[in-house]
C-alpha atoms as a PDB file:
ATOM      1  CA  MET A   1      95.736 126.547 122.034  1.00  0.00           C
ATOM      2  CA  ASN A   2      92.587 127.795 120.299  1.00  0.00           C
ATOM      3  CA  ILE A   3      91.723 126.262 116.937  1.00  0.00           C
ATOM      4  CA  ARG A   4      91.076 128.834 114.227  1.00  0.00           C
ATOM      5  CA  PRO A   5      87.268 128.899 113.770  1.00  0.00           C
ATOM      6  CA  GLU A   6      85.360 128.218 110.570  1.00  0.00           C
ATOM      7  CA  ILE A   7      83.931 131.404 109.033  1.00  0.00           C
ATOM      8  CA  GLN A   8      80.875 131.996 106.789  1.00  0.00           C
ATOM      9  CA  HIS A   9      79.656 135.266 105.239  1.00  0.00           C
ATOM     10  CA  LEU A  10      75.863 135.630 104.888  1.00  0.00           C
ATOM     11  CA  ALA A  11      73.127 138.205 104.385  1.00  0.00           C
ATOM     12  CA  THR A  12      70.987 137.577 107.463  1.00  0.00           C
ATOM     13  CA  PRO A  13      67.508 138.562 108.685  1.00  0.00           C
ATOM     14  CA  ILE A  14      68.212 141.077 111.416  1.00  0.00           C
ATOM     15  CA  ASP A  15      65.969 139.335 113.965  1.00  0.00           C
ATOM     16  CA  GLU A  16      68.045 136.141 113.748  1.00  0.00           C
ATOM     17  CA  VAL A  17      71.026 137.706 115.533  1.00  0.00           C
ATOM     18  CA  ASN A  18      71.265 139.517 118.863  1.00  0.00           C
ATOM     19  CA  THR A  19      73.590 141.655 120.930  1.00  0.00           C
ATOM     20  CA  HIS A  20      76.055 139.763 123.085  1.00  0.00           C
ATOM     21  CA  PRO A  21      74.850 139.711 126.732  1.00  0.00           C
ATOM     22  CA  LYS A  22      78.423 140.217 127.983  1.00  0.00           C
ATOM     23  CA  ASN A  23      79.402 143.042 125.665  1.00  0.00           C
ATOM     24  CA  VAL A  24      80.873 145.785 127.869  1.00  0.00           C
ATOM     25  CA  ARG A  25      81.561 148.229 125.054  1.00  0.00           C
ATOM     26  CA  GLN A  26      79.506 151.428 124.889  1.00  0.00           C
ATOM     27  CA  GLY A  27      79.149 152.743 121.353  1.00  0.00           C
ATOM     28  CA  ASP A  28      77.617 155.811 119.734  1.00  0.00           C
ATOM     29  CA  VAL A  29      74.563 154.376 117.995  1.00  0.00           C
ATOM     30  CA  GLY A  30      73.594 157.798 116.660  1.00  0.00           C
ATOM     31  CA  ALA A  31      76.939 158.287 114.921  1.00  0.00           C
ATOM     32  CA  ILE A  32      76.840 154.761 113.501  1.00  0.00           C
ATOM     33  CA  SER A  33      73.265 155.322 112.262  1.00  0.00           C
ATOM     34  CA  HIS A  34      74.493 158.410 110.440  1.00  0.00           C
ATOM     35  CA  SER A  35      77.319 156.377 108.900  1.00  0.00           C
ATOM     36  CA  LEU A  36      74.941 153.624 107.765  1.00  0.00           C
ATOM     37  CA  SER A  37      72.634 156.230 106.249  1.00  0.00           C
ATOM     38  CA  SER A  38      75.555 157.882 104.445  1.00  0.00           C
ATOM     39  CA  HIS A  39      77.562 154.866 103.287  1.00  0.00           C
ATOM     40  CA  GLY A  40      75.506 151.735 103.880  1.00  0.00           C
ATOM     41  CA  GLN A  41      77.031 148.717 105.646  1.00  0.00           C
ATOM     42  CA  TYR A  42      80.524 148.435 104.225  1.00  0.00           C
ATOM     43  CA  ARG A  43      81.670 145.624 106.544  1.00  0.00           C
ATOM     44  CA  PRO A  44      79.732 142.740 108.100  1.00  0.00           C
ATOM     45  CA  ILE A  45      79.067 142.230 111.773  1.00  0.00           C
ATOM     46  CA  VAL A  46      80.628 139.116 113.337  1.00  0.00           C
ATOM     47  CA  VAL A  47      78.307 136.543 114.928  1.00  0.00           C
ATOM     48  CA  GLN A  48      78.858 133.344 116.918  1.00  0.00           C
ATOM     49  CA  LYS A  49      77.190 130.667 114.799  1.00  0.00           C
ATOM     50  CA  SER A  50      75.859 128.514 117.652  1.00  0.00           C
ATOM     51  CA  THR A  51      74.220 131.308 119.684  1.00  0.00           C
ATOM     52  CA  GLY A  52      73.546 134.169 117.261  1.00  0.00           C
ATOM     53  CA  ASN A  53      75.392 136.477 119.684  1.00  0.00           C
ATOM     54  CA  ILE A  54      77.246 139.345 118.018  1.00  0.00           C
ATOM     55  CA  LEU A  55      81.000 139.352 118.705  1.00  0.00           C
ATOM     56  CA  ALA A  56      81.857 142.473 116.697  1.00  0.00           C
ATOM     57  CA  GLY A  57      79.395 145.110 115.547  1.00  0.00           C
ATOM     58  CA  ASN A  58      76.889 145.149 118.405  1.00  0.00           C
ATOM     59  CA  HIS A  59      76.227 148.850 117.922  1.00  0.00           C
ATOM     60  CA  THR A  60      76.136 148.544 114.135  1.00  0.00           C
ATOM     61  CA  TYR A  61      73.324 146.035 114.685  1.00  0.00           C
ATOM     62  CA  LEU A  62      71.499 148.425 117.050  1.00  0.00           C
ATOM     63  CA  ALA A  63      71.885 151.286 114.571  1.00  0.00           C
ATOM     64  CA  ALA A  64      70.539 149.118 111.724  1.00  0.00           C
ATOM     65  CA  LYS A  65      67.566 148.133 113.896  1.00  0.00           C
ATOM     66  CA  ALA A  66      66.909 151.794 114.688  1.00  0.00           C
ATOM     67  CA  LEU A  67      66.925 152.559 110.958  1.00  0.00           C
ATOM     68  CA  GLY A  68      64.357 149.839 110.364  1.00  0.00           C
ATOM     69  CA  TRP A  69      66.609 147.450 108.415  1.00  0.00           C
ATOM     70  CA  SER A  70      65.209 143.955 107.892  1.00  0.00           C
ATOM     71  CA  SER A  71      68.530 142.243 107.128  1.00  0.00           C
ATOM     72  CA  ILE A  72      72.193 142.761 107.875  1.00  0.00           C
ATOM     73  CA  ALA A  73      75.455 141.436 106.415  1.00  0.00           C
ATOM     74  CA  ALA A  74      77.043 139.067 108.902  1.00  0.00           C
ATOM     75  CA  THR A  75      80.114 136.859 109.217  1.00  0.00           C
ATOM     76  CA  PHE A  76      79.355 133.692 111.203  1.00  0.00           C
ATOM     77  CA  VAL A  77      82.139 132.205 113.312  1.00  0.00           C
ATOM     78  CA  ASP A  78      81.927 128.587 114.471  1.00  0.00           C
ATOM     79  CA  CYS A  79      83.541 128.722 117.924  1.00  0.00           C
ATOM     80  CA  ASP A  80      82.814 127.776 121.538  1.00  0.00           C
ATOM     81  CA  ASP A  81      81.650 130.267 124.171  1.00  0.00           C
ATOM     82  CA  GLU A  82      85.111 130.839 125.640  1.00  0.00           C
ATOM     83  CA  GLN A  83      86.656 131.713 122.295  1.00  0.00           C
ATOM     84  CA  ALA A  84      83.628 133.887 121.536  1.00  0.00           C
ATOM     85  CA  LEU A  85      84.367 135.992 124.625  1.00  0.00           C
ATOM     86  CA  ARG A  86      88.012 136.293 123.605  1.00  0.00           C
ATOM     87  CA  ILE A  87      86.995 137.521 120.134  1.00  0.00           C
ATOM     88  CA  LEU A  88      84.526 139.958 121.705  1.00  0.00           C
ATOM     89  CA  LEU A  89      87.264 141.427 123.911  1.00  0.00           C
ATOM     90  CA  VAL A  90      90.108 141.476 121.396  1.00  0.00           C
ATOM     91  CA  ASP A  91      87.985 143.264 118.796  1.00  0.00           C
ATOM     92  CA  ASN A  92      87.276 146.103 121.213  1.00  0.00           C
ATOM     93  CA  ARG A  93      90.749 146.191 122.747  1.00  0.00           C
ATOM     94  CA  THR A  94      92.664 146.394 119.464  1.00  0.00           C
ATOM     95  CA  THR A  95      90.550 149.437 118.571  1.00  0.00           C
ATOM     96  CA  ASP A  96      91.519 151.048 121.901  1.00  0.00           C
ATOM     97  CA  LEU A  97      95.225 150.487 121.174  1.00  0.00           C
ATOM     98  CA  ALA A  98      95.104 152.262 117.806  1.00  0.00           C
ATOM     99  CA  THR A  99      96.314 155.867 117.467  1.00  0.00           C
ATOM    100  CA  TYR A 100      96.281 158.580 114.798  1.00  0.00           C
ATOM    101  CA  ASP A 101      99.010 160.395 112.940  1.00  0.00           C
ATOM    102  CA  ASN A 102      97.358 163.703 113.850  1.00  0.00           C
ATOM    103  CA  GLY A 103      99.214 165.748 111.246  1.00  0.00           C
ATOM    104  CA  ALA A 104      98.094 163.439 108.442  1.00  0.00           C
ATOM    105  CA  LEU A 105      94.592 163.267 109.931  1.00  0.00           C
ATOM    106  CA  ILE A 106      94.318 167.064 109.919  1.00  0.00           C
ATOM    107  CA  ASP A 107      95.352 167.151 106.252  1.00  0.00           C
ATOM    108  CA  LEU A 108      92.692 164.549 105.363  1.00  0.00           C
ATOM    109  CA  LEU A 109      89.977 166.406 107.277  1.00  0.00           C
ATOM    110  CA  LYS A 110      90.946 169.739 105.722  1.00  0.00           C
ATOM    111  CA  ASP A 111      90.699 168.221 102.242  1.00  0.00           C
ATOM    112  CA  LEU A 112      87.250 166.790 102.938  1.00  0.00           C
ATOM    113  CA  ASN A 113      86.089 169.928 104.746  1.00  0.00           C
ATOM    114  CA  SER A 114      86.703 171.929 101.579  1.00  0.00           C
ATOM    115  CA  THR A 115      84.268 169.757  99.588  1.00  0.00           C
ATOM    116  CA  ALA A 116      80.579 170.476  99.041  1.00  0.00           C
ATOM    117  CA  ILE A 117      79.427 168.259 101.927  1.00  0.00           C
ATOM    118  CA  GLY A 118      82.291 169.054 104.280  1.00  0.00           C
ATOM    119  CA  LEU A 119      82.972 166.437 106.965  1.00  0.00           C
ATOM    120  CA  ASP A 120      79.555 164.822 106.691  1.00  0.00           C
ATOM    121  CA  GLY A 121      79.773 161.035 106.973  1.00  0.00           C
ATOM    122  CA  THR A 122      83.195 160.990 108.699  1.00  0.00           C
ATOM    123  CA  ALA A 123      82.071 161.144 112.387  1.00  0.00           C
ATOM    124  CA  PHE A 124      84.317 164.224 112.675  1.00  0.00           C
ATOM    125  CA  ASP A 125      83.041 167.792 112.702  1.00  0.00           C
ATOM    126  CA  GLY A 126      84.491 171.278 112.553  1.00  0.00           C
ATOM    127  CA  ASN A 127      85.047 171.395 116.309  1.00  0.00           C
ATOM    128  CA  ASP A 128      87.063 168.174 116.145  1.00  0.00           C
ATOM    129  CA  LEU A 129      89.219 169.631 113.390  1.00  0.00           C
ATOM    130  CA  ASP A 130      89.742 172.868 115.326  1.00  0.00           C
ATOM    131  CA  GLN A 131      90.750 170.922 118.434  1.00  0.00           C
ATOM    132  CA  LEU A 132      93.197 168.734 116.508  1.00  0.00           C
ATOM    133  CA  ILE A 133      94.821 171.819 115.016  1.00  0.00           C
ATOM    134  CA  THR A 134      94.995 173.521 118.429  1.00  0.00           C
ATOM    135  CA  ASP A 135      96.488 170.439 120.092  1.00  0.00           C
ATOM    136  CA  LEU A 136      99.106 170.111 117.340  1.00  0.00           C
ATOM    137  CA  GLN A 137     100.035 173.793 117.580  1.00  0.00           C
ATOM    138  CA  PHE A 138     100.606 173.720 121.318  1.00  0.00           C
ATOM    139  CA  LYS A 139     101.956 170.203 121.879  1.00  0.00           C
ATOM    140  CA  ASP A 140     105.558 171.457 121.983  1.00  0.00           C
ATOM    141  CA  GLU A 141     104.890 174.157 124.602  1.00  0.00           C
ATOM    142  CA  PRO A 142     107.053 173.682 127.731  1.00  0.00           C
ATOM    143  CA  GLU A 143     105.155 172.168 130.623  1.00  0.00           C
ATOM    144  CA  GLN A 144     104.393 174.509 133.499  1.00  0.00           C
ATOM    145  CA  GLU A 145     105.981 173.738 136.837  1.00  0.00           C
ATOM    146  CA  SER A 146     102.596 173.746 138.527  1.00  0.00           C
ATOM    147  CA  PRO A 147     100.586 170.548 138.081  1.00  0.00           C
ATOM    148  CA  TYR A 148      97.535 172.740 137.528  1.00  0.00           C
ATOM    149  CA  SER A 149      96.833 174.560 134.298  1.00  0.00           C
ATOM    150  CA  GLN A 150      94.321 177.326 133.737  1.00  0.00           C
ATOM    151  CA  ASN A 151      95.096 177.630 130.038  1.00  0.00           C
ATOM    152  CA  THR A 152      92.040 177.542 127.790  1.00  0.00           C
ATOM    153  CA  ARG A 153      91.973 178.265 124.067  1.00  0.00           C
ATOM    154  CA  ALA A 154      88.914 178.622 121.911  1.00  0.00           C
ATOM    155  CA  PRO A 155      89.067 178.167 118.131  1.00  0.00           C
ATOM    156  CA  ILE A 156      88.817 181.239 115.911  1.00  0.00           C
ATOM    157  CA  TYR A 157      85.809 181.134 113.575  1.00  0.00           C
ATOM    158  CA  GLU A 158      86.300 182.896 110.247  1.00  0.00           C
ATOM    159  CA  ILE A 159      84.343 182.950 107.007  1.00  0.00           C
ATOM    160  CA  VAL A 160      85.880 180.395 104.647  1.00  0.00           C
ATOM    161  CA  GLY A 161      83.068 179.866 102.141  1.00  0.00           C
ATOM    162  CA  GLU A 162      79.357 180.184 101.468  1.00  0.00           C
ATOM    163  CA  CYS A 163      76.988 180.341 104.418  1.00  0.00           C
ATOM    164  CA  PRO A 164      75.310 176.906 104.746  1.00  0.00           C
ATOM    165  CA  GLY A 165      71.546 176.503 104.869  1.00  0.00           C
ATOM    166  CA  PHE A 166      69.742 175.584 108.068  1.00  0.00           C
ATOM    167  CA  ASP A 167      68.772 172.200 106.636  1.00  0.00           C
ATOM    168  CA  GLU A 168      72.483 171.387 106.256  1.00  0.00           C
ATOM    169  CA  MET A 169      73.166 171.824 109.964  1.00  0.00           C
ATOM    170  CA  LEU A 170      70.670 169.305 111.308  1.00  0.00           C
ATOM    171  CA  ASP A 171      69.803 165.707 110.439  1.00  0.00           C
ATOM    172  CA  LYS A 172      66.265 164.972 111.669  1.00  0.00           C
ATOM    173  CA  THR A 173      65.896 161.527 110.055  1.00  0.00           C
ATOM    174  CA  LYS A 174      65.812 159.437 113.238  1.00  0.00           C
ATOM    175  CA  TYR A 175      63.877 162.121 115.122  1.00  0.00           C
ATOM    176  CA  ASN A 176      61.160 162.211 112.454  1.00  0.00           C
ATOM    177  CA  GLN A 177      60.897 158.401 112.482  1.00  0.00           C
ATOM    178  CA  LEU A 178      60.372 158.403 116.244  1.00  0.00           C
ATOM    179  CA  ILE A 179      57.831 161.230 116.139  1.00  0.00           C
ATOM    180  CA  GLU A 180      55.817 159.347 113.527  1.00  0.00           C
ATOM    181  CA  GLN A 181      55.840 156.201 115.681  1.00  0.00           C
ATOM    182  CA  ILE A 182      54.842 158.181 118.782  1.00  0.00           C
ATOM    183  CA  ASN A 183      51.990 159.977 117.024  1.00  0.00           C
ATOM    184  CA  GLU A 184      50.614 156.704 115.657  1.00  0.00           C
ATOM    185  CA  SER A 185      50.837 154.921 119.011  1.00  0.00           C
ATOM    186  CA  GLN A 186      47.999 154.385 121.505  1.00  0.00           C
ATOM    187  CA  ALA A 187      49.975 156.030 124.327  1.00  0.00           C
ATOM    188  CA  SER A 188      48.375 158.716 126.472  1.00  0.00           C
ATOM    189  CA  ASP A 189      48.784 162.348 125.443  1.00  0.00           C
ATOM    190  CA  GLU A 190      51.006 162.956 128.484  1.00  0.00           C
ATOM    191  CA  LEU A 191      53.310 160.069 127.593  1.00  0.00           C
ATOM    192  CA  LYS A 192      53.400 161.134 123.941  1.00  0.00           C
ATOM    193  CA  GLN A 193      54.495 164.628 124.966  1.00  0.00           C
ATOM    194  CA  PHE A 194      57.275 163.166 127.134  1.00  0.00           C
ATOM    195  CA  LEU A 195      58.443 160.850 124.333  1.00  0.00           C
ATOM    196  CA  ARG A 196      58.469 163.716 121.820  1.00  0.00           C
ATOM    197  CA  LEU A 197      60.833 165.599 124.118  1.00  0.00           C
ATOM    198  CA  ALA A 198      62.973 162.472 124.553  1.00  0.00           C
ATOM    199  CA  ALA A 199      63.134 162.037 120.759  1.00  0.00           C
ATOM    200  CA  THR A 200      65.058 165.308 120.448  1.00  0.00           C
ATOM    201  CA  ARG A 201      68.102 163.381 121.704  1.00  0.00           C
ATOM    202  CA  HIS A 202      68.253 161.839 118.236  1.00  0.00           C
ATOM    203  CA  LEU A 203      68.661 165.144 116.410  1.00  0.00           C
ATOM    204  CA  VAL A 204      72.134 165.037 114.835  1.00  0.00           C
ATOM    205  CA  PHE A 205      73.933 168.362 114.504  1.00  0.00           C
ATOM    206  CA  ASN A 206      76.512 168.863 111.744  1.00  0.00           C
ATOM    207  CA  TYR A 207      78.909 171.019 113.743  1.00  0.00           C
ATOM    208  CA  SER A 208      81.190 171.703 110.800  1.00  0.00           C
ATOM    209  CA  LYS A 209      78.251 173.466 109.111  1.00  0.00           C
ATOM    210  CA  VAL A 210      77.351 175.210 112.380  1.00  0.00           C
ATOM    211  CA  ALA A 211      80.919 176.513 112.560  1.00  0.00           C
ATOM    212  CA  GLU A 212      80.686 177.698 108.951  1.00  0.00           C
ATOM    213  CA  MET A 213      77.442 179.575 109.585  1.00  0.00           C
ATOM    214  CA  TYR A 214      78.556 181.198 112.860  1.00  0.00           C
ATOM    215  CA  PRO A 215      80.908 183.878 111.413  1.00  0.00           C
ATOM    216  CA  HIS A 216      78.211 184.881 108.883  1.00  0.00           C
ATOM    217  CA  LEU A 217      75.796 185.839 111.683  1.00  0.00           C
ATOM    218  CA  SER A 218      75.210 189.147 113.426  1.00  0.00           C
ATOM    219  CA  GLN A 219      76.654 189.554 116.906  1.00  0.00           C
ATOM    220  CA  ALA A 220      73.215 189.086 118.466  1.00  0.00           C
ATOM    221  CA  ASP A 221      72.643 185.843 116.553  1.00  0.00           C
ATOM    222  CA  GLN A 222      76.147 184.645 117.420  1.00  0.00           C
ATOM    223  CA  GLU A 223      75.330 185.132 121.092  1.00  0.00           C
ATOM    224  CA  LEU A 224      72.236 182.941 120.666  1.00  0.00           C
ATOM    225  CA  PHE A 225      74.461 180.222 119.178  1.00  0.00           C
ATOM    226  CA  GLU A 226      76.809 180.555 122.157  1.00  0.00           C
ATOM    227  CA  HIS A 227      73.989 180.446 124.707  1.00  0.00           C
ATOM    228  CA  SER A 228      72.762 177.219 123.076  1.00  0.00           C
ATOM    229  CA  ALA A 229      76.302 175.755 123.304  1.00  0.00           C
ATOM    230  CA  LEU A 230      76.404 175.260 119.532  1.00  0.00           C
ATOM    231  CA  ILE A 231      79.616 177.279 119.699  1.00  0.00           C
ATOM    232  CA  ILE A 232      81.767 177.856 122.797  1.00  0.00           C
ATOM    233  CA  ILE A 233      83.947 180.962 122.681  1.00  0.00           C
ATOM    234  CA  ASP A 234      84.131 182.039 126.326  1.00  0.00           C
ATOM    235  CA  PHE A 235      85.007 179.114 128.599  1.00  0.00           C
ATOM    236  CA  GLU A 236      84.085 181.031 131.757  1.00  0.00           C
ATOM    237  CA  GLN A 237      80.664 181.703 130.250  1.00  0.00           C
ATOM    238  CA  ALA A 238      80.356 177.996 129.412  1.00  0.00           C
ATOM    239  CA  ILE A 239      80.948 177.171 133.079  1.00  0.00           C
ATOM    240  CA  GLU A 240      78.512 179.883 134.193  1.00  0.00           C
ATOM    241  CA  LEU A 241      75.763 178.595 131.877  1.00  0.00           C
ATOM    242  CA  GLY A 242      76.304 175.001 132.971  1.00  0.00           C
ATOM    243  CA  PHE A 243      77.819 173.611 129.770  1.00  0.00           C
ATOM    244  CA  ALA A 244      81.046 172.832 131.637  1.00  0.00           C
ATOM    245  CA  ALA A 245      81.812 172.337 135.315  1.00  0.00           C
ATOM    246  CA  PHE A 246      84.770 173.266 137.478  1.00  0.00           C
ATOM    247  CA  GLU A 247      84.755 172.249 141.116  1.00  0.00           C
ATOM    248  CA  SER A 248      85.347 175.116 143.546  1.00  0.00           C
ATOM    249  CA  ALA A 249      87.662 172.835 145.502  1.00  0.00           C
ATOM    250  CA  MET A 250      89.809 172.337 142.409  1.00  0.00           C
ATOM    251  CA  GLN A 251      89.856 176.085 141.821  1.00  0.00           C
ATOM    252  CA  GLN A 252      91.058 176.644 145.400  1.00  0.00           C
ATOM    253  CA  MET A 253      93.762 173.973 145.049  1.00  0.00           C
ATOM    254  CA  ALA A 254      94.997 175.569 141.821  1.00  0.00           C
ATOM    255  CA  GLU A 255      95.119 179.035 143.440  1.00  0.00           C
ATOM    256  CA  GLU A 256      96.993 177.698 146.473  1.00  0.00           C
ATOM    257  CA  ALA A 257      99.512 175.960 144.230  1.00  0.00           C
ATOM    258  CA  LEU A 258     100.104 179.181 142.306  1.00  0.00           C
ATOM    259  CA  ASP A 259     100.497 181.147 145.566  1.00  0.00           C
ATOM    260  CA  ASP A 260     103.171 178.692 146.772  1.00  0.00           C
ATOM    261  CA  GLU A 261     105.381 179.249 143.708  1.00  0.00           C
END
């Protein structure tokens, strides 16, 4: 039986802890960076005292490093390596086992979406809210006899408030930090150009604001949004433009199944 470990809470220089070499979890560092920028660090990471390996919060640590933080709030656990691995796994697994009350979640998101900053700082966006509403609306539909479904539903975008500004739709904080570092580096011009293109991966779109702007636009401008996959209205067009894929073999199997009914 494992002995409950001793625990300490400390503000810690960020270079004194490190990611766990056996962490198999893949997190969204960009989303966590946005959360840290919006709310700060509202809970400490968990670190094995003897090794400095992070047991919970590996991606929070990476996001803080990306933001240039010099220290991080940490809880230190005095445990052996075996128990450290068990803590590492149970922390991730218990998150996987959690579920939402989708009806209550929709109500919460609607309330926040009606505020001045919308869903900013929640890791949800307008598309997530639309999908939750769509899933809830159609969850009681009878299942089709065929195991294949060709049903696709796009959300309806309507004007619900003021048209947001362009600066509200895009967070360039991390991108600008990287560009500054690249420009100040001694890298070759060719490498700098490549890295500038790579830095665009760190542009963070606020899709709830994108969805709010879309119905305010002219048809021509709406089509530009659709061709950039900021908004997807026509799923066949999304497949045609390469934003989604559907194997021809799967299409043939679905057609054959329908023909056999």
